[in-house]
Amino acid sequence: MVDRSCTCHSCGKTVELGQQELPCRVLLGWHIVSCLKGTESIDHYSFCSLGCLRGWVDSHMPEIPEVFLKSLGEESE
């Protein structure tokens, strides 16, 4: 019998899932994100907590250019 596992895409925490265990019970509190890449192409990402999910999202968001942030400060003065 081969066990399955789920690994947090952010921190690397791993949870083992036995063949007879329901993933919805073992992974209670985990967050699973599906990213549609195209026709029949879906990437799945697993996160053990909202903190790990947030870290992953933050690392994939483009940064706001510093020059733009500075221009906002000048207008408000």
PDB file of N, CA and C in Angstrom:
ATOM      1  N   MET A   1       0.845  -1.177   0.000  1.00  0.00           N
ATOM      2  CA  MET A   1       0.000   0.000   0.000  1.00  0.00           C
ATOM      3  C   MET A   1       0.896   1.248   0.000  1.00  0.00           C
ATOM      4  N   VAL A   2       0.663   2.135  -0.951  1.00  0.00           N
ATOM      5  CA  VAL A   2       1.458   3.349  -1.074  1.00  0.00           C
ATOM      6  C   VAL A   2       0.715   4.502  -0.425  1.00  0.00           C
ATOM      7  N   ASP A   3       1.385   5.198   0.475  1.00  0.00           N
ATOM      8  CA  ASP A   3       0.778   6.368   1.101  1.00  0.00           C
ATOM      9  C   ASP A   3       0.931   7.575   0.191  1.00  0.00           C
ATOM     10  N   ARG A   4      -0.009   8.463   0.298  1.00  0.00           N
ATOM     11  CA  ARG A   4       0.051   9.734  -0.421  1.00  0.00           C
ATOM     12  C   ARG A   4       0.449  10.806   0.570  1.00  0.00           C
ATOM     13  N   SER A   5       0.912  11.922   0.070  1.00  0.00           N
ATOM     14  CA  SER A   5       1.275  13.022   0.959  1.00  0.00           C
ATOM     15  C   SER A   5       0.898  14.343   0.314  1.00  0.00           C
ATOM     16  N   CYS A   6       0.815  15.356   1.148  1.00  0.00           N
ATOM     17  CA  CYS A   6       0.537  16.719   0.696  1.00  0.00           C
ATOM     18  C   CYS A   6       1.579  17.612   1.356  1.00  0.00           C
ATOM     19  N   THR A   7       2.252  18.411   0.557  1.00  0.00           N
ATOM     20  CA  THR A   7       3.319  19.275   1.052  1.00  0.00           C
ATOM     21  C   THR A   7       2.940  20.733   0.853  1.00  0.00           C
ATOM     22  N   CYS A   8       3.132  21.536   1.897  1.00  0.00           N
ATOM     23  CA  CYS A   8       2.877  22.975   1.811  1.00  0.00           C
ATOM     24  C   CYS A   8       3.852  23.582   0.817  1.00  0.00           C
ATOM     25  N   HIS A   9       3.310  24.288  -0.159  1.00  0.00           N
ATOM     26  CA  HIS A   9       4.127  24.879  -1.215  1.00  0.00           C
ATOM     27  C   HIS A   9       5.016  26.008  -0.691  1.00  0.00           C
ATOM     28  N   SER A  10       4.693  26.531   0.476  1.00  0.00           N
ATOM     29  CA  SER A  10       5.444  27.646   1.028  1.00  0.00           C
ATOM     30  C   SER A  10       6.510  27.214   2.032  1.00  0.00           C
ATOM     31  N   CYS A  11       6.122  26.471   3.062  1.00  0.00           N
ATOM     32  CA  CYS A  11       7.066  26.137   4.141  1.00  0.00           C
ATOM     33  C   CYS A  11       7.615  24.718   4.068  1.00  0.00           C
ATOM     34  N   GLY A  12       7.014  23.870   3.241  1.00  0.00           N
ATOM     35  CA  GLY A  12       7.509  22.514   3.084  1.00  0.00           C
ATOM     36  C   GLY A  12       6.942  21.492   4.060  1.00  0.00           C
ATOM     37  N   LYS A  13       6.043  21.904   4.948  1.00  0.00           N
ATOM     38  CA  LYS A  13       5.422  20.961   5.885  1.00  0.00           C
ATOM     39  C   LYS A  13       4.697  19.874   5.085  1.00  0.00           C
ATOM     40  N   THR A  14       4.879  18.610   5.508  1.00  0.00           N
ATOM     41  CA  THR A  14       4.271  17.490   4.801  1.00  0.00           C
ATOM     42  C   THR A  14       3.322  16.731   5.712  1.00  0.00           C
ATOM     43  N   VAL A  15       2.166  16.360   5.164  1.00  0.00           N
ATOM     44  CA  VAL A  15       1.182  15.544   5.865  1.00  0.00           C
ATOM     45  C   VAL A  15       0.994  14.282   5.030  1.00  0.00           C
ATOM     46  N   GLU A  16       1.101  13.134   5.695  1.00  0.00           N
ATOM     47  CA  GLU A  16       0.909  11.852   5.022  1.00  0.00           C
ATOM     48  C   GLU A  16      -0.578  11.504   5.000  1.00  0.00           C
ATOM     49  N   LEU A  17      -1.037  11.009   3.863  1.00  0.00           N
ATOM     50  CA  LEU A  17      -2.426  10.586   3.706  1.00  0.00           C
ATOM     51  C   LEU A  17      -2.439   9.094   3.392  1.00  0.00           C
ATOM     52  N   GLY A  18      -3.000   8.298   4.292  1.00  0.00           N
ATOM     53  CA  GLY A  18      -3.127   6.873   4.029  1.00  0.00           C
ATOM     54  C   GLY A  18      -4.195   6.609   2.982  1.00  0.00           C
ATOM     55  N   GLN A  19      -4.194   5.428   2.402  1.00  0.00           N
ATOM     56  CA  GLN A  19      -5.165   5.082   1.357  1.00  0.00           C
ATOM     57  C   GLN A  19      -6.605   5.121   1.870  1.00  0.00           C
ATOM     58  N   GLN A  20      -6.815   4.814   3.134  1.00  0.00           N
ATOM     59  CA  GLN A  20      -8.172   4.751   3.688  1.00  0.00           C
ATOM     60  C   GLN A  20      -8.621   6.083   4.296  1.00  0.00           C
ATOM     61  N   GLU A  21      -7.711   7.070   4.372  1.00  0.00           N
ATOM     62  CA  GLU A  21      -8.052   8.354   4.999  1.00  0.00           C
ATOM     63  C   GLU A  21      -8.661   9.308   3.984  1.00  0.00           C
ATOM     64  N   LEU A  22      -9.630  10.066   4.439  1.00  0.00           N
ATOM     65  CA  LEU A  22     -10.241  11.083   3.590  1.00  0.00           C
ATOM     66  C   LEU A  22      -9.386  12.353   3.635  1.00  0.00           C
ATOM     67  N   PRO A  23      -8.948  12.844   2.462  1.00  0.00           N
ATOM     68  CA  PRO A  23      -8.130  14.061   2.443  1.00  0.00           C
ATOM     69  C   PRO A  23      -8.802  15.240   3.138  1.00  0.00           C
ATOM     70  N   CYS A  24     -10.129  15.331   3.056  1.00  0.00           N
ATOM     71  CA  CYS A  24     -10.828  16.467   3.671  1.00  0.00           C
ATOM     72  C   CYS A  24     -10.703  16.451   5.196  1.00  0.00           C
ATOM     73  N   ARG A  25     -10.463  15.297   5.780  1.00  0.00           N
ATOM     74  CA  ARG A  25     -10.264  15.225   7.230  1.00  0.00           C
ATOM     75  C   ARG A  25      -8.805  15.449   7.602  1.00  0.00           C
ATOM     76  N   VAL A  26      -7.903  14.848   6.862  1.00  0.00           N
ATOM     77  CA  VAL A  26      -6.477  14.963   7.166  1.00  0.00           C
ATOM     78  C   VAL A  26      -5.981  16.384   6.896  1.00  0.00           C
ATOM     79  N   LEU A  27      -6.520  17.008   5.871  1.00  0.00           N
ATOM     80  CA  LEU A  27      -6.065  18.344   5.471  1.00  0.00           C
ATOM     81  C   LEU A  27      -6.984  19.458   5.979  1.00  0.00           C
ATOM     82  N   LEU A  28      -7.709  19.186   7.036  1.00  0.00           N
ATOM     83  CA  LEU A  28      -8.592  20.187   7.627  1.00  0.00           C
ATOM     84  C   LEU A  28      -7.787  21.434   7.999  1.00  0.00           C
ATOM     85  N   GLY A  29      -8.205  22.581   7.510  1.00  0.00           N
ATOM     86  CA  GLY A  29      -7.513  23.839   7.779  1.00  0.00           C
ATOM     87  C   GLY A  29      -6.496  24.221   6.714  1.00  0.00           C
ATOM     88  N   TRP A  30      -6.193  23.304   5.809  1.00  0.00           N
ATOM     89  CA  TRP A  30      -5.276  23.611   4.709  1.00  0.00           C
ATOM     90  C   TRP A  30      -6.023  24.384   3.629  1.00  0.00           C
ATOM     91  N   HIS A  31      -5.265  25.056   2.767  1.00  0.00           N
ATOM     92  CA  HIS A  31      -5.834  25.824   1.662  1.00  0.00           C
ATOM     93  C   HIS A  31      -5.233  25.289   0.369  1.00  0.00           C
ATOM     94  N   ILE A  32      -6.102  24.969  -0.596  1.00  0.00           N
ATOM     95  CA  ILE A  32      -5.673  24.431  -1.871  1.00  0.00           C
ATOM     96  C   ILE A  32      -6.056  25.450  -2.942  1.00  0.00           C
ATOM     97  N   VAL A  33      -5.092  25.871  -3.739  1.00  0.00           N
ATOM     98  CA  VAL A  33      -5.317  26.851  -4.792  1.00  0.00           C
ATOM     99  C   VAL A  33      -5.114  26.166  -6.136  1.00  0.00           C
ATOM    100  N   SER A  34      -6.053  26.384  -7.056  1.00  0.00           N
ATOM    101  CA  SER A  34      -5.931  25.865  -8.413  1.00  0.00           C
ATOM    102  C   SER A  34      -5.707  27.040  -9.351  1.00  0.00           C
ATOM    103  N   CYS A  35      -4.713  26.927 -10.198  1.00  0.00           N
ATOM    104  CA  CYS A  35      -4.389  27.988 -11.157  1.00  0.00           C
ATOM    105  C   CYS A  35      -4.628  27.440 -12.565  1.00  0.00           C
ATOM    106  N   LEU A  36      -5.607  28.020 -13.261  1.00  0.00           N
ATOM    107  CA  LEU A  36      -5.917  27.588 -14.612  1.00  0.00           C
ATOM    108  C   LEU A  36      -4.884  28.164 -15.566  1.00  0.00           C
ATOM    109  N   LYS A  37      -4.158  27.269 -16.226  1.00  0.00           N
ATOM    110  CA  LYS A  37      -3.082  27.683 -17.124  1.00  0.00           C
ATOM    111  C   LYS A  37      -3.501  27.651 -18.584  1.00  0.00           C
ATOM    112  N   GLY A  38      -4.597  27.007 -18.888  1.00  0.00           N
ATOM    113  CA  GLY A  38      -5.061  26.877 -20.268  1.00  0.00           C
ATOM    114  C   GLY A  38      -5.954  25.658 -20.377  1.00  0.00           C
ATOM    115  N   THR A  39      -6.245  25.256 -21.584  1.00  0.00           N
ATOM    116  CA  THR A  39      -7.098  24.109 -21.823  1.00  0.00           C
ATOM    117  C   THR A  39      -6.508  22.864 -21.176  1.00  0.00           C
ATOM    118  N   GLU A  40      -7.253  22.292 -20.261  1.00  0.00           N
ATOM    119  CA  GLU A  40      -6.867  21.072 -19.557  1.00  0.00           C
ATOM    120  C   GLU A  40      -5.513  21.169 -18.861  1.00  0.00           C
ATOM    121  N   SER A  41      -5.118  22.371 -18.471  1.00  0.00           N
ATOM    122  CA  SER A  41      -3.850  22.572 -17.772  1.00  0.00           C
ATOM    123  C   SER A  41      -4.127  23.346 -16.481  1.00  0.00           C
ATOM    124  N   ILE A  42      -4.009  22.642 -15.370  1.00  0.00           N
ATOM    125  CA  ILE A  42      -4.293  23.244 -14.070  1.00  0.00           C
ATOM    126  C   ILE A  42      -3.146  22.925 -13.119  1.00  0.00           C
ATOM    127  N   ASP A  43      -2.615  23.947 -12.466  1.00  0.00           N
ATOM    128  CA  ASP A  43      -1.610  23.760 -11.417  1.00  0.00           C
ATOM    129  C   ASP A  43      -2.320  23.852 -10.068  1.00  0.00           C
ATOM    130  N   HIS A  44      -1.945  22.967  -9.142  1.00  0.00           N
ATOM    131  CA  HIS A  44      -2.521  22.967  -7.803  1.00  0.00           C
ATOM    132  C   HIS A  44      -1.427  23.282  -6.791  1.00  0.00           C
ATOM    133  N   TYR A  45      -1.732  24.149  -5.839  1.00  0.00           N
ATOM    134  CA  TYR A  45      -0.794  24.528  -4.790  1.00  0.00           C
ATOM    135  C   TYR A  45      -1.477  24.310  -3.441  1.00  0.00           C
ATOM    136  N   SER A  46      -0.759  23.710  -2.499  1.00  0.00           N
ATOM    137  CA  SER A  46      -1.294  23.426  -1.171  1.00  0.00           C
ATOM    138  C   SER A  46      -0.562  24.265  -0.128  1.00  0.00           C
ATOM    139  N   PHE A  47      -1.317  24.783   0.846  1.00  0.00           N
ATOM    140  CA  PHE A  47      -0.745  25.618   1.905  1.00  0.00           C
ATOM    141  C   PHE A  47      -1.315  25.189   3.242  1.00  0.00           C
ATOM    142  N   CYS A  48      -0.449  25.031   4.252  1.00  0.00           N
ATOM    143  CA  CYS A  48      -0.882  24.538   5.558  1.00  0.00           C
ATOM    144  C   CYS A  48      -1.542  25.617   6.411  1.00  0.00           C
ATOM    145  N   SER A  49      -1.407  26.889   6.035  1.00  0.00           N
ATOM    146  CA  SER A  49      -1.992  27.976   6.821  1.00  0.00           C
ATOM    147  C   SER A  49      -2.229  29.191   5.931  1.00  0.00           C
ATOM    148  N   LEU A  50      -3.018  30.126   6.445  1.00  0.00           N
ATOM    149  CA  LEU A  50      -3.221  31.377   5.704  1.00  0.00           C
ATOM    150  C   LEU A  50      -1.926  32.175   5.603  1.00  0.00           C
ATOM    151  N   GLY A  51      -1.069  32.079   6.628  1.00  0.00           N
ATOM    152  CA  GLY A  51       0.217  32.776   6.596  1.00  0.00           C
ATOM    153  C   GLY A  51       1.079  32.283   5.448  1.00  0.00           C
ATOM    154  N   CYS A  52       1.116  30.976   5.244  1.00  0.00           N
ATOM    155  CA  CYS A  52       1.898  30.419   4.125  1.00  0.00           C
ATOM    156  C   CYS A  52       1.290  30.825   2.789  1.00  0.00           C
ATOM    157  N   LEU A  53      -0.039  30.805   2.700  1.00  0.00           N
ATOM    158  CA  LEU A  53      -0.707  31.232   1.468  1.00  0.00           C
ATOM    159  C   LEU A  53      -0.406  32.692   1.187  1.00  0.00           C
ATOM    160  N   ARG A  54      -0.469  33.517   2.222  1.00  0.00           N
ATOM    161  CA  ARG A  54      -0.211  34.954   2.036  1.00  0.00           C
ATOM    162  C   ARG A  54       1.228  35.202   1.581  1.00  0.00           C
ATOM    163  N   GLY A  55       2.167  34.493   2.187  1.00  0.00           N
ATOM    164  CA  GLY A  55       3.557  34.641   1.773  1.00  0.00           C
ATOM    165  C   GLY A  55       3.753  34.283   0.314  1.00  0.00           C
ATOM    166  N   TRP A  56       3.091  33.222  -0.130  1.00  0.00           N
ATOM    167  CA  TRP A  56       3.189  32.793  -1.530  1.00  0.00           C
ATOM    168  C   TRP A  56       2.563  33.835  -2.454  1.00  0.00           C
ATOM    169  N   VAL A  57       1.377  34.327  -2.081  1.00  0.00           N
ATOM    170  CA  VAL A  57       0.703  35.346  -2.894  1.00  0.00           C
ATOM    171  C   VAL A  57       1.566  36.601  -2.972  1.00  0.00           C
ATOM    172  N   ASP A  58       2.082  37.055  -1.827  1.00  0.00           N
ATOM    173  CA  ASP A  58       2.923  38.259  -1.809  1.00  0.00           C
ATOM    174  C   ASP A  58       4.147  38.098  -2.716  1.00  0.00           C
ATOM    175  N   SER A  59       4.732  36.889  -2.737  1.00  0.00           N
ATOM    176  CA  SER A  59       5.928  36.676  -3.551  1.00  0.00           C
ATOM    177  C   SER A  59       5.612  36.619  -5.046  1.00  0.00           C
ATOM    178  N   HIS A  60       4.343  36.432  -5.394  1.00  0.00           N
ATOM    179  CA  HIS A  60       3.948  36.364  -6.796  1.00  0.00           C
ATOM    180  C   HIS A  60       3.281  37.640  -7.303  1.00  0.00           C
ATOM    181  N   MET A  61       3.132  38.625  -6.423  1.00  0.00           N
ATOM    182  CA  MET A  61       2.536  39.892  -6.835  1.00  0.00           C
ATOM    183  C   MET A  61       3.634  40.846  -7.289  1.00  0.00           C
ATOM    184  N   PRO A  62       3.389  41.572  -8.355  1.00  0.00           N
ATOM    185  CA  PRO A  62       4.397  42.548  -8.771  1.00  0.00           C
ATOM    186  C   PRO A  62       4.518  43.669  -7.741  1.00  0.00           C
ATOM    187  N   GLU A  63       5.731  44.140  -7.537  1.00  0.00           N
ATOM    188  CA  GLU A  63       5.939  45.240  -6.594  1.00  0.00           C
ATOM    189  C   GLU A  63       5.513  46.558  -7.231  1.00  0.00           C
ATOM    190  N   ILE A  64       5.044  47.459  -6.381  1.00  0.00           N
ATOM    191  CA  ILE A  64       4.712  48.800  -6.848  1.00  0.00           C
ATOM    192  C   ILE A  64       6.024  49.564  -6.959  1.00  0.00           C
ATOM    193  N   PRO A  65       6.303  50.153  -8.125  1.00  0.00           N
ATOM    194  CA  PRO A  65       7.567  50.887  -8.285  1.00  0.00           C
ATOM    195  C   PRO A  65       7.716  52.000  -7.252  1.00  0.00           C
ATOM    196  N   GLU A  66       8.907  52.141  -6.703  1.00  0.00           N
ATOM    197  CA  GLU A  66       9.193  53.152  -5.674  1.00  0.00           C
ATOM    198  C   GLU A  66       8.887  54.558  -6.175  1.00  0.00           C
ATOM    199  N   VAL A  67       9.162  54.830  -7.441  1.00  0.00           N
ATOM    200  CA  VAL A  67       8.910  56.163  -7.994  1.00  0.00           C
ATOM    201  C   VAL A  67       7.407  56.477  -7.933  1.00  0.00           C
ATOM    202  N   PHE A  68       6.560  55.483  -8.131  1.00  0.00           N
ATOM    203  CA  PHE A  68       5.117  55.694  -8.041  1.00  0.00           C
ATOM    204  C   PHE A  68       4.713  56.000  -6.602  1.00  0.00           C
ATOM    205  N   LEU A  69       5.240  55.235  -5.652  1.00  0.00           N
ATOM    206  CA  LEU A  69       4.914  55.477  -4.245  1.00  0.00           C
ATOM    207  C   LEU A  69       5.362  56.861  -3.805  1.00  0.00           C
ATOM    208  N   LYS A  70       6.540  57.297  -4.256  1.00  0.00           N
ATOM    209  CA  LYS A  70       7.039  58.633  -3.910  1.00  0.00           C
ATOM    210  C   LYS A  70       6.151  59.718  -4.501  1.00  0.00           C
ATOM    211  N   SER A  71       5.645  59.492  -5.701  1.00  0.00           N
ATOM    212  CA  SER A  71       4.790  60.502  -6.331  1.00  0.00           C
ATOM    213  C   SER A  71       3.470  60.653  -5.568  1.00  0.00           C
ATOM    214  N   LEU A  72       3.002  59.606  -4.949  1.00  0.00           N
ATOM    215  CA  LEU A  72       1.781  59.707  -4.149  1.00  0.00           C
ATOM    216  C   LEU A  72       2.028  60.565  -2.912  1.00  0.00           C
ATOM    217  N   GLY A  73       3.191  60.441  -2.319  1.00  0.00           N
ATOM    218  CA  GLY A  73       3.538  61.225  -1.135  1.00  0.00           C
ATOM    219  C   GLY A  73       3.655  62.693  -1.446  1.00  0.00           C
ATOM    220  N   GLU A  74       4.153  63.034  -2.619  1.00  0.00           N
ATOM    221  CA  GLU A  74       4.291  64.430  -3.000  1.00  0.00           C
ATOM    222  C   GLU A  74       2.946  65.104  -3.195  1.00  0.00           C
ATOM    223  N   GLU A  75       1.982  64.375  -3.745  1.00  0.00           N
ATOM    224  CA  GLU A  75       0.654  64.957  -3.991  1.00  0.00           C
ATOM    225  C   GLU A  75      -0.100  65.222  -2.707  1.00  0.00           C
ATOM    226  N   SER A  76       0.153  64.412  -1.685  1.00  0.00           N
ATOM    227  CA  SER A  76      -0.610  64.561  -0.434  1.00  0.00           C
ATOM    228  C   SER A  76      -0.037  65.623   0.489  1.00  0.00           C
ATOM    229  N   GLU A  77       1.106  66.200   0.154  1.00  0.00           N
ATOM    230  CA  GLU A  77       1.718  67.231   1.019  1.00  0.00           C
ATOM    231  C   GLU A  77       1.189  68.595   0.735  1.00  0.00           C
TER     232      GLU A  77
END
